[in-house]
Amino acid sequence: MDENLKQTGQKRLEAAAAELKKNNFSCSVHASSAAAAAYLQKLVGPGKKAGFGGSMTLAELKLADGIKAAGGEVITHTPGMDRDTKIKTWLKAQAADFYFASPQAITMKGELVLLDGNGNRVAACIYGPGKVFLVAGVNKLVGDMDQALWRMKNVSALANNIRLNKDNPCVKTGKCMDCSSPNRICNALVVLYKKPHSTDVEVVLVNEELGY
């Protein structure tokens, strides 16, 4: 990355972190994905259970592998699971010591936007786990809520539809069509304006482009 852009990203992340803290979220800023992964793996430690929501950001950090290697248990659904097994896994993940996910956008006012198809991931980010970590690269930062919602629909959702081979209208048009497709993955929207009272939430910001 160009050094000037790197410094710009760092300053934007620090500004966003200050706003997130005003909204009662814990927040940490990391210069690289490797630094963020090492930080999180150390916090989880051996013998702990970590629930994972589907996230390309977490996949790029190789966080699940690191937690397993450190003696932790990772709880997440996997391809090929039947519906009943998925639901049981989602509920188990929601009751874990830690839960990991990534928002689709973070505003410079310290608001977090999360979108989900089934609702299991956004539910766990509101209430249930011992502690929630929301991990995001610098590419997730936007100016305001209008930009956050636009990014959520036209960047994150579109990329995930393509990744999951969904035959939804946005894949054909290159933009959100607010469809009624039975395969729609944009069904549950959660905005965390402030930290929920009974949930310990830490936002982990990384000065790299990560995920969608």
C-alpha atoms as a PDB file:
ATOM      1  CA  MET A   1       0.000   0.000   0.000  1.00  0.00           C
ATOM      2  CA  ASP A   2       1.169   3.547  -0.755  1.00  0.00           C
ATOM      3  CA  GLU A   3       2.604   5.034   2.455  1.00  0.00           C
ATOM      4  CA  ASN A   4       0.415   8.146   2.210  1.00  0.00           C
ATOM      5  CA  LEU A   5      -2.718   6.042   1.833  1.00  0.00           C
ATOM      6  CA  LYS A   6      -1.585   3.855   4.712  1.00  0.00           C
ATOM      7  CA  GLN A   7      -1.220   6.879   6.969  1.00  0.00           C
ATOM      8  CA  THR A   8      -4.584   8.193   5.753  1.00  0.00           C
ATOM      9  CA  GLY A   9      -6.217   4.887   6.626  1.00  0.00           C
ATOM     10  CA  GLN A  10      -4.641   4.884  10.069  1.00  0.00           C
ATOM     11  CA  LYS A  11      -5.915   8.387  10.815  1.00  0.00           C
ATOM     12  CA  ARG A  12      -9.431   7.523   9.604  1.00  0.00           C
ATOM     13  CA  LEU A  13      -9.463   4.369  11.727  1.00  0.00           C
ATOM     14  CA  GLU A  14      -8.324   6.308  14.787  1.00  0.00           C
ATOM     15  CA  ALA A  15     -11.040   8.915  14.192  1.00  0.00           C
ATOM     16  CA  ALA A  16     -13.678   6.179  13.837  1.00  0.00           C
ATOM     17  CA  ALA A  17     -12.366   4.451  16.966  1.00  0.00           C
ATOM     18  CA  ALA A  18     -12.816   7.661  18.964  1.00  0.00           C
ATOM     19  CA  GLU A  19     -16.461   7.861  17.855  1.00  0.00           C
ATOM     20  CA  LEU A  20     -17.073   4.180  18.574  1.00  0.00           C
ATOM     21  CA  LYS A  21     -15.764   4.690  22.109  1.00  0.00           C
ATOM     22  CA  LYS A  22     -18.165   7.623  22.553  1.00  0.00           C
ATOM     23  CA  ASN A  23     -20.919   5.134  21.667  1.00  0.00           C
ATOM     24  CA  ASN A  24     -19.691   2.853  24.496  1.00  0.00           C
ATOM     25  CA  PHE A  25     -18.004   0.253  22.284  1.00  0.00           C
ATOM     26  CA  SER A  26     -14.555  -1.004  23.180  1.00  0.00           C
ATOM     27  CA  CYS A  27     -12.276  -0.498  20.200  1.00  0.00           C
ATOM     28  CA  SER A  28      -8.752  -1.345  19.094  1.00  0.00           C
ATOM     29  CA  VAL A  29      -6.847  -0.341  15.959  1.00  0.00           C
ATOM     30  CA  HIS A  30      -4.272  -2.612  14.300  1.00  0.00           C
ATOM     31  CA  ALA A  31      -1.759  -1.881  11.569  1.00  0.00           C
ATOM     32  CA  SER A  32      -2.188  -5.262   9.846  1.00  0.00           C
ATOM     33  CA  SER A  33      -4.373  -8.346   9.693  1.00  0.00           C
ATOM     34  CA  ALA A  34      -1.561 -10.395  11.233  1.00  0.00           C
ATOM     35  CA  ALA A  35      -1.417  -8.058  14.230  1.00  0.00           C
ATOM     36  CA  ALA A  36      -5.203  -8.162  14.636  1.00  0.00           C
ATOM     37  CA  ALA A  37      -5.287 -11.966  14.420  1.00  0.00           C
ATOM     38  CA  ALA A  38      -2.516 -12.329  17.018  1.00  0.00           C
ATOM     39  CA  TYR A  39      -4.337  -9.927  19.335  1.00  0.00           C
ATOM     40  CA  LEU A  40      -7.618 -11.837  19.087  1.00  0.00           C
ATOM     41  CA  GLN A  41      -6.072 -15.293  19.403  1.00  0.00           C
ATOM     42  CA  LYS A  42      -4.347 -14.226  22.621  1.00  0.00           C
ATOM     43  CA  LEU A  43      -7.611 -12.902  24.069  1.00  0.00           C
ATOM     44  CA  VAL A  44      -9.507 -16.126  23.332  1.00  0.00           C
ATOM     45  CA  GLY A  45      -6.855 -18.478  24.668  1.00  0.00           C
ATOM     46  CA  PRO A  46      -7.087 -22.257  25.180  1.00  0.00           C
ATOM     47  CA  GLY A  47     -10.206 -24.066  26.361  1.00  0.00           C
ATOM     48  CA  LYS A  48     -12.624 -21.342  25.247  1.00  0.00           C
ATOM     49  CA  LYS A  49     -15.488 -21.576  22.752  1.00  0.00           C
ATOM     50  CA  ALA A  50     -15.637 -19.149  19.844  1.00  0.00           C
ATOM     51  CA  GLY A  51     -18.720 -18.798  17.647  1.00  0.00           C
ATOM     52  CA  PHE A  52     -18.211 -17.540  14.101  1.00  0.00           C
ATOM     53  CA  GLY A  53     -20.627 -15.807  11.766  1.00  0.00           C
ATOM     54  CA  GLY A  54     -19.985 -16.174   8.049  1.00  0.00           C
ATOM     55  CA  SER A  55     -17.336 -13.579   7.158  1.00  0.00           C
ATOM     56  CA  MET A  56     -14.729 -13.162   4.459  1.00  0.00           C
ATOM     57  CA  THR A  57     -12.901 -10.745   6.774  1.00  0.00           C
ATOM     58  CA  LEU A  58     -12.447 -13.471   9.390  1.00  0.00           C
ATOM     59  CA  ALA A  59     -11.453 -15.959   6.692  1.00  0.00           C
ATOM     60  CA  GLU A  60      -8.742 -13.599   5.441  1.00  0.00           C
ATOM     61  CA  LEU A  61      -7.401 -13.263   8.988  1.00  0.00           C
ATOM     62  CA  LYS A  62      -7.268 -17.099   9.219  1.00  0.00           C
ATOM     63  CA  LEU A  63      -8.642 -16.521  12.697  1.00  0.00           C
ATOM     64  CA  ALA A  64     -10.461 -19.836  13.119  1.00  0.00           C
ATOM     65  CA  ASP A  65      -7.286 -21.790  12.351  1.00  0.00           C
ATOM     66  CA  GLY A  66      -5.334 -19.687  14.816  1.00  0.00           C
ATOM     67  CA  ILE A  67      -7.874 -20.172  17.598  1.00  0.00           C
ATOM     68  CA  LYS A  68      -7.929 -23.937  17.032  1.00  0.00           C
ATOM     69  CA  ALA A  69      -4.133 -24.080  17.048  1.00  0.00           C
ATOM     70  CA  ALA A  70      -4.133 -22.218  20.369  1.00  0.00           C
ATOM     71  CA  GLY A  71      -6.455 -24.811  21.915  1.00  0.00           C
ATOM     72  CA  GLY A  72      -9.788 -23.072  21.487  1.00  0.00           C
ATOM     73  CA  GLU A  73     -12.995 -24.529  20.015  1.00  0.00           C
ATOM     74  CA  VAL A  74     -14.533 -22.917  16.934  1.00  0.00           C
ATOM     75  CA  ILE A  75     -18.292 -23.237  16.427  1.00  0.00           C
ATOM     76  CA  THR A  76     -19.643 -22.433  12.977  1.00  0.00           C
ATOM     77  CA  HIS A  77     -21.866 -23.971  10.321  1.00  0.00           C
ATOM     78  CA  THR A  78     -20.173 -25.732   7.439  1.00  0.00           C
ATOM     79  CA  PRO A  79     -21.190 -26.639   3.866  1.00  0.00           C
ATOM     80  CA  GLY A  80     -23.320 -29.762   3.700  1.00  0.00           C
ATOM     81  CA  MET A  81     -25.007 -29.334   7.077  1.00  0.00           C
ATOM     82  CA  ASP A  82     -28.748 -30.008   7.029  1.00  0.00           C
ATOM     83  CA  ARG A  83     -31.064 -27.284   8.316  1.00  0.00           C
ATOM     84  CA  ASP A  84     -31.639 -28.803  11.767  1.00  0.00           C
ATOM     85  CA  THR A  85     -27.915 -29.204  12.346  1.00  0.00           C
ATOM     86  CA  LYS A  86     -27.300 -25.627  11.194  1.00  0.00           C
ATOM     87  CA  ILE A  87     -29.866 -24.247  13.628  1.00  0.00           C
ATOM     88  CA  LYS A  88     -28.381 -26.204  16.524  1.00  0.00           C
ATOM     89  CA  THR A  89     -24.925 -24.958  15.553  1.00  0.00           C
ATOM     90  CA  TRP A  90     -26.118 -21.341  15.331  1.00  0.00           C
ATOM     91  CA  LEU A  91     -27.661 -21.549  18.808  1.00  0.00           C
ATOM     92  CA  LYS A  92     -24.500 -23.094  20.222  1.00  0.00           C
ATOM     93  CA  ALA A  93     -22.402 -20.358  18.607  1.00  0.00           C
ATOM     94  CA  GLN A  94     -24.654 -17.672  20.103  1.00  0.00           C
ATOM     95  CA  ALA A  95     -23.968 -19.047  23.595  1.00  0.00           C
ATOM     96  CA  ALA A  96     -20.176 -19.264  23.175  1.00  0.00           C
ATOM     97  CA  ASP A  97     -17.581 -17.455  25.280  1.00  0.00           C
ATOM     98  CA  PHE A  98     -16.787 -15.265  22.270  1.00  0.00           C
ATOM     99  CA  TYR A  99     -18.543 -14.488  19.007  1.00  0.00           C
ATOM    100  CA  PHE A 100     -16.825 -13.157  15.886  1.00  0.00           C
ATOM    101  CA  ALA A 101     -18.415 -11.377  12.940  1.00  0.00           C
ATOM    102  CA  SER A 102     -17.806  -8.429  10.623  1.00  0.00           C
ATOM    103  CA  PRO A 103     -20.127  -5.498   9.887  1.00  0.00           C
ATOM    104  CA  GLN A 104     -20.860  -4.465   6.326  1.00  0.00           C
ATOM    105  CA  ALA A 105     -20.110  -0.839   7.178  1.00  0.00           C
ATOM    106  CA  ILE A 106     -19.005   1.481   9.984  1.00  0.00           C
ATOM    107  CA  THR A 107     -19.834   5.176   9.859  1.00  0.00           C
ATOM    108  CA  MET A 108     -17.457   7.902  10.971  1.00  0.00           C
ATOM    109  CA  LYS A 109     -20.012   8.606  13.716  1.00  0.00           C
ATOM    110  CA  GLY A 110     -19.312   5.188  15.222  1.00  0.00           C
ATOM    111  CA  GLU A 111     -22.432   3.354  13.996  1.00  0.00           C
ATOM    112  CA  LEU A 112     -22.267  -0.267  12.836  1.00  0.00           C
ATOM    113  CA  VAL A 113     -24.404  -1.815  10.094  1.00  0.00           C
ATOM    114  CA  LEU A 114     -24.912  -5.589   9.880  1.00  0.00           C
ATOM    115  CA  LEU A 115     -26.974  -7.461   7.292  1.00  0.00           C
ATOM    116  CA  ASP A 116     -27.975 -11.125   7.400  1.00  0.00           C
ATOM    117  CA  GLY A 117     -29.936 -13.708   5.484  1.00  0.00           C
ATOM    118  CA  ASN A 118     -31.065 -16.018   8.298  1.00  0.00           C
ATOM    119  CA  GLY A 119     -30.656 -13.671  11.277  1.00  0.00           C
ATOM    120  CA  ASN A 120     -28.413 -15.934  13.359  1.00  0.00           C
ATOM    121  CA  ARG A 121     -25.367 -13.704  12.944  1.00  0.00           C
ATOM    122  CA  VAL A 122     -27.032 -10.383  13.716  1.00  0.00           C
ATOM    123  CA  ALA A 123     -28.879 -11.963  16.661  1.00  0.00           C
ATOM    124  CA  ALA A 124     -25.570 -13.058  18.206  1.00  0.00           C
ATOM    125  CA  CYS A 125     -24.127  -9.567  17.733  1.00  0.00           C
ATOM    126  CA  ILE A 126     -26.928  -8.101  19.859  1.00  0.00           C
ATOM    127  CA  TYR A 127     -27.215 -10.582  22.737  1.00  0.00           C
ATOM    128  CA  GLY A 128     -26.064 -14.010  23.878  1.00  0.00           C
ATOM    129  CA  PRO A 129     -22.301 -14.561  23.702  1.00  0.00           C
ATOM    130  CA  GLY A 130     -19.916 -13.735  26.533  1.00  0.00           C
ATOM    131  CA  LYS A 131     -18.181 -11.167  24.324  1.00  0.00           C
ATOM    132  CA  VAL A 132     -18.669 -10.051  20.719  1.00  0.00           C
ATOM    133  CA  PHE A 133     -15.789  -9.034  18.453  1.00  0.00           C
ATOM    134  CA  LEU A 134     -16.701  -7.150  15.269  1.00  0.00           C
ATOM    135  CA  VAL A 135     -13.703  -7.048  12.927  1.00  0.00           C
ATOM    136  CA  ALA A 136     -13.454  -4.634  10.005  1.00  0.00           C
ATOM    137  CA  GLY A 137     -10.865  -3.428   7.511  1.00  0.00           C
ATOM    138  CA  VAL A 138     -10.433   0.204   6.530  1.00  0.00           C
ATOM    139  CA  ASN A 139     -12.573  -0.413   3.429  1.00  0.00           C
ATOM    140  CA  LYS A 140     -15.668  -0.722   5.649  1.00  0.00           C
ATOM    141  CA  LEU A 141     -15.450   2.921   6.827  1.00  0.00           C
ATOM    142  CA  VAL A 142     -18.046   5.292   5.328  1.00  0.00           C
ATOM    143  CA  GLY A 143     -19.108   8.854   6.024  1.00  0.00           C
ATOM    144  CA  ASP A 144     -22.676   8.434   7.216  1.00  0.00           C
ATOM    145  CA  MET A 145     -25.638   6.087   7.474  1.00  0.00           C
ATOM    146  CA  ASP A 146     -26.832   6.692   3.901  1.00  0.00           C
ATOM    147  CA  GLN A 147     -23.414   5.644   2.604  1.00  0.00           C
ATOM    148  CA  ALA A 148     -23.392   2.658   4.969  1.00  0.00           C
ATOM    149  CA  LEU A 149     -26.709   1.375   3.652  1.00  0.00           C
ATOM    150  CA  TRP A 150     -25.631   1.942   0.048  1.00  0.00           C
ATOM    151  CA  ARG A 151     -22.391   0.038   0.638  1.00  0.00           C
ATOM    152  CA  MET A 152     -24.241  -2.766   2.403  1.00  0.00           C
ATOM    153  CA  LYS A 153     -26.593  -3.282  -0.546  1.00  0.00           C
ATOM    154  CA  ASN A 154     -24.393  -2.559  -3.547  1.00  0.00           C
ATOM    155  CA  VAL A 155     -20.956  -3.755  -2.447  1.00  0.00           C
ATOM    156  CA  SER A 156     -21.199  -6.294   0.385  1.00  0.00           C
ATOM    157  CA  ALA A 157     -24.431  -7.991  -0.617  1.00  0.00           C
ATOM    158  CA  LEU A 158     -23.571  -8.055  -4.311  1.00  0.00           C
ATOM    159  CA  ALA A 159     -20.144  -9.604  -3.676  1.00  0.00           C
ATOM    160  CA  ASN A 160     -21.647 -12.214  -1.353  1.00  0.00           C
ATOM    161  CA  ASN A 161     -24.355 -13.097  -3.863  1.00  0.00           C
ATOM    162  CA  ILE A 162     -21.641 -13.703  -6.440  1.00  0.00           C
ATOM    163  CA  ARG A 163     -19.515 -15.687  -3.958  1.00  0.00           C
ATOM    164  CA  LEU A 164     -22.462 -17.891  -2.984  1.00  0.00           C
ATOM    165  CA  ASN A 165     -23.587 -18.402  -6.597  1.00  0.00           C
ATOM    166  CA  LYS A 166     -27.005 -16.915  -5.905  1.00  0.00           C
ATOM    167  CA  ASP A 167     -29.214 -16.379  -8.938  1.00  0.00           C
ATOM    168  CA  ASN A 168     -30.554 -13.058  -7.671  1.00  0.00           C
ATOM    169  CA  PRO A 169     -31.347  -9.935  -9.732  1.00  0.00           C
ATOM    170  CA  CYS A 170     -28.408  -7.916  -8.338  1.00  0.00           C
ATOM    171  CA  VAL A 171     -25.949 -10.374  -9.877  1.00  0.00           C
ATOM    172  CA  LYS A 172     -27.367  -9.573 -13.311  1.00  0.00           C
ATOM    173  CA  THR A 173     -27.713  -5.795 -12.886  1.00  0.00           C
ATOM    174  CA  GLY A 174     -24.690  -5.041 -10.710  1.00  0.00           C
ATOM    175  CA  LYS A 175     -26.785  -3.164  -8.156  1.00  0.00           C
ATOM    176  CA  CYS A 176     -29.374  -3.881  -5.475  1.00  0.00           C
ATOM    177  CA  MET A 177     -32.879  -4.384  -6.887  1.00  0.00           C
ATOM    178  CA  ASP A 178     -34.584  -4.825  -3.481  1.00  0.00           C
ATOM    179  CA  CYS A 179     -35.802  -8.162  -4.817  1.00  0.00           C
ATOM    180  CA  SER A 180     -38.307 -10.683  -3.490  1.00  0.00           C
ATOM    181  CA  SER A 181     -36.240 -13.646  -4.627  1.00  0.00           C
ATOM    182  CA  PRO A 182     -36.599 -16.852  -2.560  1.00  0.00           C
ATOM    183  CA  ASN A 183     -32.790 -16.921  -2.539  1.00  0.00           C
ATOM    184  CA  ARG A 184     -32.476 -13.379  -1.185  1.00  0.00           C
ATOM    185  CA  ILE A 185     -29.688 -13.050   1.409  1.00  0.00           C
ATOM    186  CA  CYS A 186     -30.573  -9.514   2.598  1.00  0.00           C
ATOM    187  CA  ASN A 187     -33.374 -10.191   5.081  1.00  0.00           C
ATOM    188  CA  ALA A 188     -32.349  -8.913   8.512  1.00  0.00           C
ATOM    189  CA  LEU A 189     -30.749  -5.504   9.078  1.00  0.00           C
ATOM    190  CA  VAL A 190     -29.298  -4.447  12.433  1.00  0.00           C
ATOM    191  CA  VAL A 191     -27.836  -1.018  13.184  1.00  0.00           C
ATOM    192  CA  LEU A 192     -25.845  -0.680  16.387  1.00  0.00           C
ATOM    193  CA  TYR A 193     -26.063   3.038  17.150  1.00  0.00           C
ATOM    194  CA  LYS A 194     -24.710   2.429  20.648  1.00  0.00           C
ATOM    195  CA  LYS A 195     -23.444  -0.652  22.487  1.00  0.00           C
ATOM    196  CA  PRO A 196     -26.337  -2.834  23.724  1.00  0.00           C
ATOM    197  CA  HIS A 197     -26.519  -2.588  27.531  1.00  0.00           C
ATOM    198  CA  SER A 198     -26.025  -6.271  28.318  1.00  0.00           C
ATOM    199  CA  THR A 199     -23.517  -7.215  25.619  1.00  0.00           C
ATOM    200  CA  ASP A 200     -19.757  -6.665  25.719  1.00  0.00           C
ATOM    201  CA  VAL A 201     -18.833  -5.559  22.186  1.00  0.00           C
ATOM    202  CA  GLU A 202     -15.351  -4.742  20.933  1.00  0.00           C
ATOM    203  CA  VAL A 203     -14.758  -3.381  17.444  1.00  0.00           C
ATOM    204  CA  VAL A 204     -11.408  -4.436  15.988  1.00  0.00           C
ATOM    205  CA  LEU A 205     -10.271  -2.109  13.194  1.00  0.00           C
ATOM    206  CA  VAL A 206      -7.529  -3.094  10.748  1.00  0.00           C
ATOM    207  CA  ASN A 207      -5.576  -0.832   8.417  1.00  0.00           C
ATOM    208  CA  GLU A 208      -5.997  -3.169   5.443  1.00  0.00           C
ATOM    209  CA  GLU A 209      -8.805  -3.831   2.990  1.00  0.00           C
ATOM    210  CA  LEU A 210     -10.531  -6.980   4.229  1.00  0.00           C
ATOM    211  CA  GLY A 211     -13.650  -8.848   3.144  1.00  0.00           C
ATOM    212  CA  TYR A 212     -16.688  -7.297   1.504  1.00  0.00           C
END
